[in-house]
Structures are given as C-alpha cells and as structure tokens.
Amino acid sequence: MKRLRIEHTTGFSYQGDVSASYNEARMLPGSTDSQFVLSSSLDIEPSTSVNQYVDYFGTRVAVFDVLSPHTDLKITARSLVEVRPRPLEQVDMTWDALKRESMRSIETVEQMGQSARTRPHAEVVDIARSIAAQHSDPGHAAMAISSAIGDAVEYMHGITGVHSTATEAWEARKGVCQDIAHITLGALREVGIPARYVSGYLHPKESSEVGVAIPGESHAWVEWFAGEWQGFDPTNNIEIGDRHVLVGRGRDYGDVPPLRGVYAGPFKSHLHVKVTITREA
C-alpha cells in the first residue's frame, strides 16, 4: 500500500477579459474498496463558491462559476490518498454466460455500445475477434486483447489531440493513454465484453523515495466486466497497482474530462496543466 499526495493545477489564460465562465471539474478522487481519500480540496482563482455532487457514473464533480471579469482561471486540486494494488482475479465465466449476465444490468449494457471516440478501426476489429476466438473465457481474452493493443501502439505526445478518435490513433500507431484506452475499449466492446474508461493519476516511478515530488500527469486505463469488473493499464501493460489513483469512470473521455466549461469573452484561450505526485508512505 502507498500513500500518495497529488497536486493537480489546471486552467485557462484568455486573450482579454472574460466577463463570466461556468465550469465543472473532475479532479478529486473518491474512496473505493481499493483506495481511501484521507484529504482533498479544490482551490479556485478568482475565488468563488463551489457546489459538489456525484455524477451518474460515480465521479465527484465540482461545479462553479466566475461572474467577475478575469483574464485567467486557475484550479488546484490537492489530494492525499492511500492506495492498495488491485490485481486481476479471473472469474470462471463462459462467453454465453457473459452475454446473459451483461444484459441484466444497466451498468454493463451501457458499456457495450461504441461511441465516436471508441469505434474501432477494421484492423482492430480483426485483432479482437481473432484473440477472442482463441479463448474459451472472456476474462483471459480481455487481458490478451488489452495487452495486444498496448504492444501495438507507441506512447507519444503531440501526435493526437483531446478530440482524436480511436481510429485516428490506430492509423498513426501512436498516441497517449487516452487514445490507447479508447482503442482498447473499442476492441473489447467489439467482441461483447463490457468495458469502461477510467481516469485518474499514475505515479510515474515504480520505486520512488518517500517525500520526493515527481512531475506527473493525468492518466487513463480501462476496466472490463467478465463476471466482475477488472482493471488493466494497456498503456504500460500492467495491472492496476498502488501507483494508480482512480478519479472517474465513464463510457469514454467525454464523460470524465478534468475540466470542462463555457465562457463569455475572447475566442482564443490557452490551457495549462501541471501535476505533481509525492509518495508520503
């Protein structure tokens, strides 16, 4: 088990005065069966009041507006979280049993359909179907499909953007964790395995010194259902461990962006992001 302190600062710089902005942030983790939030806070500049709620998928959301003129918006989320590993536990389930079980719950049904972001390339469809045909149980097939996608796509910044689709990233064979998660989701759903997008943070060093702050970034991975929900990080081809801090879940990135909003003011703005993660224990 690790204790991680996370500081995530983001926001916008505008080319002129913004008269008003309306925003929602998904930057604070919640407690689950594998992580416990010891403390969390959200600071906003310019100062304003914040309302919080838990959305449909169980993600903590902070909602706020800034109604005074401003040229910059800065949001800083600070969290202290204890995290334990979540190793894969394969459940003995057949494909027919998964099909029946998946149709019994909204939680799984809504994670079976493709979105514009996850719709798979024809080559990904062939890969997923070929791997699934080699496995008698969907759990091991999901693991093999996720690993195959992770091996096939190179992690690289600057090739894709926040609005890129799984098909675009696959054609480039390059992308960031968001792209690799979307490709994996499309592949899993294509063969009838419910799968969902997970956003959060990953401490970048497997062996890290206590008290040393490390530059990090937001991270994304996947969870699939094959009798139970199981998580896997295809970008790094690793199981979900005590370096992963979960923030939100959804059908794709569109359900869990760290910051989303609208504003009245200049057309152009610049997004800035900085994440620092410190192992406390």
Foldseek 3Di string as FASTA:
>chain_A
DFKKKKKKKKWKFAPDKFQKKKKKFQADADDDPFKHWPDKDKAKPVDWDWDWDQDPQGFIMIITMDRHIDRIIMMMMITIMFGFFFDDDDDPFFPVRLLVVQVPDPVQVVQLDADQQQAEDPVLQVVLVVLVVVDRALVVSLLVSLQVLLVQAAEDPDLDDPPHHLHSRNVVSYYHQQNSQSPSSNSSSSSPWRKKKWKFWFDPDPDDDAPDKDWTDIHIWMWTDRPHTATARSNVSGGGGRRTGTRGMDSGVVVHPRMDIDTGDDPDMDMDMTMIMGTND
